[in-house]
Amino acid sequence: MNILMILIPISLILGGFGLLFFIFTVRTNQYEDPEGDAQRILSGEYDDKPKQ
């Protein structure tokens, strides 16, 4: 029973960090164009050319 006194606060803290990170990514518009990213990955056209 004493282990729950440690694990519950740790899980709440980790969940809070995950929530804060998700809110940060939403506010910085990282989910704005998921279809465009998918098309760029599948098209095979890259901005960076391989170095020879």
N, C-alpha and C. Protein backbone atom coordinates (compact mmCIF):
# COMPACT_ATOMS: atom_id res chain seq x y z
N MET A 1 0.82 -1.19 0.00
CA MET A 1 0.00 0.00 0.00
C MET A 1 0.86 1.26 0.00
N ASN A 2 2.06 1.16 0.57
CA ASN A 2 2.92 2.34 0.61
C ASN A 2 3.45 2.71 -0.77
N ILE A 3 3.55 1.72 -1.65
CA ILE A 3 4.06 1.99 -2.98
C ILE A 3 3.10 2.88 -3.75
N LEU A 4 1.79 2.80 -3.45
CA LEU A 4 0.81 3.65 -4.12
C LEU A 4 1.02 5.12 -3.76
N MET A 5 1.54 5.39 -2.59
CA MET A 5 1.82 6.77 -2.17
C MET A 5 2.93 7.38 -3.03
N ILE A 6 3.72 6.54 -3.67
CA ILE A 6 4.79 7.01 -4.55
C ILE A 6 4.34 6.99 -6.01
N LEU A 7 3.70 5.92 -6.42
CA LEU A 7 3.35 5.75 -7.83
C LEU A 7 2.25 6.69 -8.31
N ILE A 8 1.26 6.97 -7.49
CA ILE A 8 0.17 7.85 -7.92
C ILE A 8 0.67 9.27 -8.19
N PRO A 9 1.43 9.90 -7.30
CA PRO A 9 1.93 11.25 -7.63
C PRO A 9 2.87 11.26 -8.84
N ILE A 10 3.69 10.22 -8.99
CA ILE A 10 4.59 10.16 -10.14
C ILE A 10 3.79 10.07 -11.43
N SER A 11 2.75 9.23 -11.44
CA SER A 11 1.93 9.11 -12.65
C SER A 11 1.18 10.40 -12.95
N LEU A 12 0.71 11.11 -11.93
CA LEU A 12 0.03 12.39 -12.15
C LEU A 12 1.00 13.44 -12.70
N ILE A 13 2.21 13.45 -12.19
CA ILE A 13 3.21 14.41 -12.68
C ILE A 13 3.57 14.12 -14.14
N LEU A 14 3.80 12.84 -14.47
CA LEU A 14 4.13 12.47 -15.85
C LEU A 14 2.97 12.77 -16.79
N GLY A 15 1.74 12.51 -16.35
CA GLY A 15 0.58 12.83 -17.16
C GLY A 15 0.45 14.33 -17.37
N GLY A 16 0.75 15.12 -16.35
CA GLY A 16 0.73 16.58 -16.47
C GLY A 16 1.77 17.07 -17.46
N PHE A 17 2.97 16.49 -17.42
CA PHE A 17 4.00 16.86 -18.40
C PHE A 17 3.56 16.53 -19.82
N GLY A 18 2.94 15.37 -20.00
CA GLY A 18 2.44 14.99 -21.33
C GLY A 18 1.38 15.96 -21.81
N LEU A 19 0.48 16.35 -20.94
CA LEU A 19 -0.58 17.31 -21.30
C LEU A 19 0.02 18.66 -21.66
N LEU A 20 0.97 19.14 -20.87
CA LEU A 20 1.62 20.42 -21.17
C LEU A 20 2.36 20.38 -22.50
N PHE A 21 3.04 19.26 -22.79
CA PHE A 21 3.75 19.13 -24.05
C PHE A 21 2.78 19.11 -25.22
N PHE A 22 1.64 18.43 -25.06
CA PHE A 22 0.63 18.40 -26.11
C PHE A 22 0.06 19.80 -26.35
N ILE A 23 -0.22 20.54 -25.30
CA ILE A 23 -0.73 21.91 -25.46
C ILE A 23 0.31 22.78 -26.16
N PHE A 24 1.58 22.60 -25.81
CA PHE A 24 2.65 23.36 -26.47
C PHE A 24 2.69 23.08 -27.96
N THR A 25 2.58 21.81 -28.34
CA THR A 25 2.65 21.47 -29.77
C THR A 25 1.43 21.99 -30.52
N VAL A 26 0.27 22.01 -29.89
CA VAL A 26 -0.93 22.55 -30.54
C VAL A 26 -0.78 24.05 -30.74
N ARG A 27 -0.26 24.75 -29.76
CA ARG A 27 -0.11 26.21 -29.87
C ARG A 27 0.96 26.63 -30.88
N THR A 28 1.93 25.77 -31.14
CA THR A 28 2.97 26.10 -32.12
C THR A 28 2.63 25.58 -33.51
N ASN A 29 1.36 25.16 -33.71
CA ASN A 29 0.83 24.75 -35.03
C ASN A 29 1.60 23.60 -35.66
N GLN A 30 1.99 22.61 -34.89
CA GLN A 30 2.71 21.49 -35.46
C GLN A 30 1.80 20.46 -36.11
N TYR A 31 0.48 20.61 -35.93
CA TYR A 31 -0.48 19.68 -36.52
C TYR A 31 -1.28 20.37 -37.63
N GLU A 32 -0.75 21.42 -38.21
CA GLU A 32 -1.52 22.24 -39.13
C GLU A 32 -1.76 21.58 -40.49
N ASP A 33 -0.77 20.87 -41.04
CA ASP A 33 -0.91 20.32 -42.39
C ASP A 33 -0.47 18.86 -42.44
N PRO A 34 -1.20 17.96 -41.81
CA PRO A 34 -0.76 16.56 -41.82
C PRO A 34 -0.87 15.91 -43.20
N GLU A 35 -1.82 16.33 -44.03
CA GLU A 35 -1.95 15.75 -45.37
C GLU A 35 -0.77 16.16 -46.26
N GLY A 36 -0.33 17.39 -46.15
CA GLY A 36 0.82 17.84 -46.93
C GLY A 36 2.08 17.10 -46.56
N ASP A 37 2.28 16.87 -45.27
CA ASP A 37 3.45 16.11 -44.83
C ASP A 37 3.41 14.69 -45.37
N ALA A 38 2.24 14.08 -45.34
CA ALA A 38 2.12 12.71 -45.84
C ALA A 38 2.42 12.66 -47.34
N GLN A 39 1.96 13.63 -48.08
CA GLN A 39 2.22 13.66 -49.52
C GLN A 39 3.69 13.88 -49.82
N ARG A 40 4.37 14.73 -49.04
CA ARG A 40 5.80 14.97 -49.26
C ARG A 40 6.62 13.72 -48.98
N ILE A 41 6.23 12.95 -47.98
CA ILE A 41 6.96 11.73 -47.65
C ILE A 41 6.81 10.71 -48.78
N LEU A 42 5.60 10.58 -49.32
CA LEU A 42 5.34 9.57 -50.33
C LEU A 42 5.81 9.98 -51.73
N SER A 43 6.00 11.27 -51.97
CA SER A 43 6.35 11.72 -53.32
C SER A 43 7.79 11.39 -53.70
N GLY A 44 8.68 11.32 -52.74
CA GLY A 44 10.07 11.02 -53.03
C GLY A 44 10.88 12.23 -53.43
N GLU A 45 10.26 13.40 -53.48
CA GLU A 45 10.99 14.63 -53.79
C GLU A 45 11.42 15.27 -52.49
N TYR A 46 12.73 15.41 -52.35
CA TYR A 46 13.27 15.96 -51.11
C TYR A 46 14.00 17.25 -51.42
N ASP A 47 14.00 18.15 -50.44
CA ASP A 47 14.76 19.40 -50.58
C ASP A 47 16.25 19.15 -50.46
N ASP A 48 16.62 18.23 -49.58
CA ASP A 48 18.04 17.92 -49.36
C ASP A 48 18.49 16.87 -50.36
N LYS A 49 19.48 17.19 -51.13
CA LYS A 49 20.05 16.24 -52.09
C LYS A 49 21.14 15.43 -51.39
N PRO A 50 21.24 14.14 -51.68
CA PRO A 50 22.32 13.35 -51.06
C PRO A 50 23.68 13.81 -51.55
N LYS A 51 24.61 13.82 -50.63
CA LYS A 51 25.97 14.24 -50.97
C LYS A 51 26.73 13.09 -51.63
N GLN A 52 27.42 13.38 -52.70
CA GLN A 52 28.13 12.33 -53.42
C GLN A 52 29.61 12.44 -53.21
